[in-house]
Amino acid sequence: MLRNLWGPGDVASYFGIPVQTVYQWRHKKYGPPCRKIGRHLRYKPEEVESWFNSLEA
């Protein structure tokens, strides 16, 4: 069963950044993986956390 999926606003809130930065990351092929459902971007919270943990300190 899927946990609730996050939208760009949820990802921005998680990182404490502007939502526009999340859209810029996607445009630059950077950031956590996401999927497009219709015209909406959705993120799996565990993938967002995993991506963050993979960044070098």
N, C-alpha and C. Protein backbone atom coordinates (compact mmCIF):
# COMPACT_ATOMS: atom_id res chain seq x y z
N MET A 1 0.84 -1.18 0.00
CA MET A 1 0.00 0.00 0.00
C MET A 1 0.89 1.25 0.00
N LEU A 2 0.53 2.22 -0.79
CA LEU A 2 1.29 3.46 -0.88
C LEU A 2 0.94 4.39 0.28
N ARG A 3 1.96 5.01 0.82
CA ARG A 3 1.71 6.11 1.75
C ARG A 3 1.17 7.26 0.92
N ASN A 4 0.71 8.27 1.58
CA ASN A 4 0.27 9.45 0.84
C ASN A 4 1.41 9.99 0.01
N LEU A 5 1.13 10.32 -1.23
CA LEU A 5 2.14 10.91 -2.10
C LEU A 5 2.25 12.40 -1.81
N TRP A 6 3.43 12.94 -2.03
CA TRP A 6 3.67 14.36 -1.82
C TRP A 6 3.63 15.10 -3.13
N GLY A 7 3.18 16.34 -3.09
CA GLY A 7 3.27 17.25 -4.22
C GLY A 7 4.51 18.12 -4.06
N PRO A 8 4.80 18.97 -5.03
CA PRO A 8 5.96 19.86 -4.93
C PRO A 8 5.96 20.73 -3.67
N GLY A 9 4.80 21.17 -3.24
CA GLY A 9 4.71 21.98 -2.03
C GLY A 9 5.13 21.22 -0.79
N ASP A 10 4.79 19.94 -0.74
CA ASP A 10 5.19 19.10 0.39
C ASP A 10 6.70 18.91 0.42
N VAL A 11 7.29 18.70 -0.76
CA VAL A 11 8.74 18.53 -0.85
C VAL A 11 9.43 19.82 -0.44
N ALA A 12 8.93 20.95 -0.90
CA ALA A 12 9.51 22.24 -0.54
C ALA A 12 9.42 22.45 0.97
N SER A 13 8.31 22.10 1.55
CA SER A 13 8.12 22.25 2.99
C SER A 13 9.08 21.34 3.76
N TYR A 14 9.26 20.12 3.29
CA TYR A 14 10.17 19.16 3.93
C TYR A 14 11.59 19.72 4.00
N PHE A 15 12.04 20.35 2.90
CA PHE A 15 13.39 20.88 2.84
C PHE A 15 13.49 22.33 3.32
N GLY A 16 12.36 22.99 3.51
CA GLY A 16 12.37 24.39 3.93
C GLY A 16 12.86 25.32 2.84
N ILE A 17 12.43 25.05 1.60
CA ILE A 17 12.85 25.83 0.44
C ILE A 17 11.62 26.33 -0.31
N PRO A 18 11.78 27.31 -1.20
CA PRO A 18 10.63 27.75 -2.02
C PRO A 18 10.19 26.64 -2.99
N VAL A 19 8.91 26.57 -3.25
CA VAL A 19 8.38 25.55 -4.16
C VAL A 19 8.97 25.71 -5.55
N GLN A 20 9.30 26.94 -5.94
CA GLN A 20 9.89 27.16 -7.27
C GLN A 20 11.21 26.42 -7.41
N THR A 21 11.95 26.27 -6.31
CA THR A 21 13.21 25.54 -6.36
C THR A 21 12.98 24.08 -6.73
N VAL A 22 11.90 23.49 -6.24
CA VAL A 22 11.57 22.10 -6.58
C VAL A 22 11.32 21.97 -8.08
N TYR A 23 10.60 22.93 -8.64
CA TYR A 23 10.34 22.91 -10.09
C TYR A 23 11.63 23.12 -10.88
N GLN A 24 12.51 23.98 -10.38
CA GLN A 24 13.80 24.19 -11.06
C GLN A 24 14.65 22.92 -11.02
N TRP A 25 14.63 22.21 -9.90
CA TRP A 25 15.37 20.95 -9.81
C TRP A 25 14.89 19.98 -10.88
N ARG A 26 13.58 19.87 -11.03
CA ARG A 26 13.04 18.93 -12.02
C ARG A 26 13.48 19.34 -13.42
N HIS A 27 13.43 20.61 -13.70
CA HIS A 27 13.84 21.12 -15.01
C HIS A 27 15.31 20.81 -15.28
N LYS A 28 16.15 20.87 -14.25
CA LYS A 28 17.58 20.61 -14.37
C LYS A 28 17.94 19.13 -14.18
N LYS A 29 16.89 18.28 -14.05
CA LYS A 29 17.08 16.84 -13.83
C LYS A 29 17.92 16.58 -12.57
N TYR A 30 17.58 17.30 -11.53
CA TYR A 30 18.21 17.18 -10.23
C TYR A 30 17.10 16.95 -9.22
N GLY A 31 17.45 16.54 -8.05
CA GLY A 31 16.46 16.41 -6.99
C GLY A 31 15.89 15.01 -6.90
N PRO A 32 14.97 14.83 -5.98
CA PRO A 32 14.38 13.51 -5.77
C PRO A 32 13.53 13.08 -6.97
N PRO A 33 13.44 11.76 -7.18
CA PRO A 33 12.63 11.27 -8.31
C PRO A 33 11.15 11.58 -8.08
N CYS A 34 10.47 11.88 -9.19
CA CYS A 34 9.04 12.12 -9.10
C CYS A 34 8.35 11.48 -10.30
N ARG A 35 7.07 11.41 -10.20
CA ARG A 35 6.25 10.87 -11.29
C ARG A 35 5.18 11.89 -11.64
N LYS A 36 4.81 11.88 -12.88
CA LYS A 36 3.77 12.78 -13.34
C LYS A 36 2.47 11.98 -13.44
N ILE A 37 1.45 12.44 -12.75
CA ILE A 37 0.13 11.83 -12.81
C ILE A 37 -0.77 12.88 -13.43
N GLY A 38 -1.11 12.66 -14.70
CA GLY A 38 -1.80 13.71 -15.44
C GLY A 38 -0.85 14.89 -15.58
N ARG A 39 -1.24 16.02 -15.06
CA ARG A 39 -0.35 17.18 -15.11
C ARG A 39 0.24 17.51 -13.74
N HIS A 40 0.08 16.59 -12.80
CA HIS A 40 0.54 16.80 -11.44
C HIS A 40 1.80 15.99 -11.14
N LEU A 41 2.75 16.61 -10.45
CA LEU A 41 3.96 15.92 -10.01
C LEU A 41 3.70 15.32 -8.64
N ARG A 42 4.13 14.07 -8.46
CA ARG A 42 3.97 13.40 -7.18
C ARG A 42 5.26 12.71 -6.79
N TYR A 43 5.55 12.76 -5.51
CA TYR A 43 6.77 12.20 -4.95
C TYR A 43 6.40 11.18 -3.88
N LYS A 44 7.18 10.09 -3.81
CA LYS A 44 7.05 9.15 -2.71
C LYS A 44 7.92 9.67 -1.57
N PRO A 45 7.35 9.88 -0.39
CA PRO A 45 8.14 10.44 0.72
C PRO A 45 9.42 9.65 1.01
N GLU A 46 9.35 8.33 0.94
CA GLU A 46 10.56 7.54 1.22
C GLU A 46 11.65 7.76 0.17
N GLU A 47 11.27 8.06 -1.07
CA GLU A 47 12.27 8.35 -2.10
C GLU A 47 12.88 9.74 -1.90
N VAL A 48 12.08 10.68 -1.42
CA VAL A 48 12.60 12.02 -1.12
C VAL A 48 13.63 11.91 0.01
N GLU A 49 13.29 11.17 1.05
CA GLU A 49 14.20 10.99 2.17
C GLU A 49 15.46 10.24 1.74
N SER A 50 15.31 9.22 0.91
CA SER A 50 16.45 8.45 0.42
C SER A 50 17.37 9.33 -0.42
N TRP A 51 16.80 10.16 -1.30
CA TRP A 51 17.61 11.07 -2.12
C TRP A 51 18.39 12.01 -1.22
N PHE A 52 17.74 12.57 -0.22
CA PHE A 52 18.40 13.50 0.69
C PHE A 52 19.56 12.80 1.42
N ASN A 53 19.32 11.59 1.88
CA ASN A 53 20.35 10.85 2.60
C ASN A 53 21.53 10.47 1.70
N SER A 54 21.31 10.42 0.40
CA SER A 54 22.38 10.06 -0.52
C SER A 54 23.31 11.24 -0.83
N LEU A 55 22.91 12.44 -0.46
CA LEU A 55 23.75 13.62 -0.71
C LEU A 55 24.95 13.59 0.22
N GLU A 56 26.07 14.06 -0.30
CA GLU A 56 27.27 14.12 0.53
C GLU A 56 27.13 15.24 1.55
N ALA A 57 27.62 14.99 2.72
CA ALA A 57 27.53 15.98 3.80
C ALA A 57 28.52 17.11 3.57
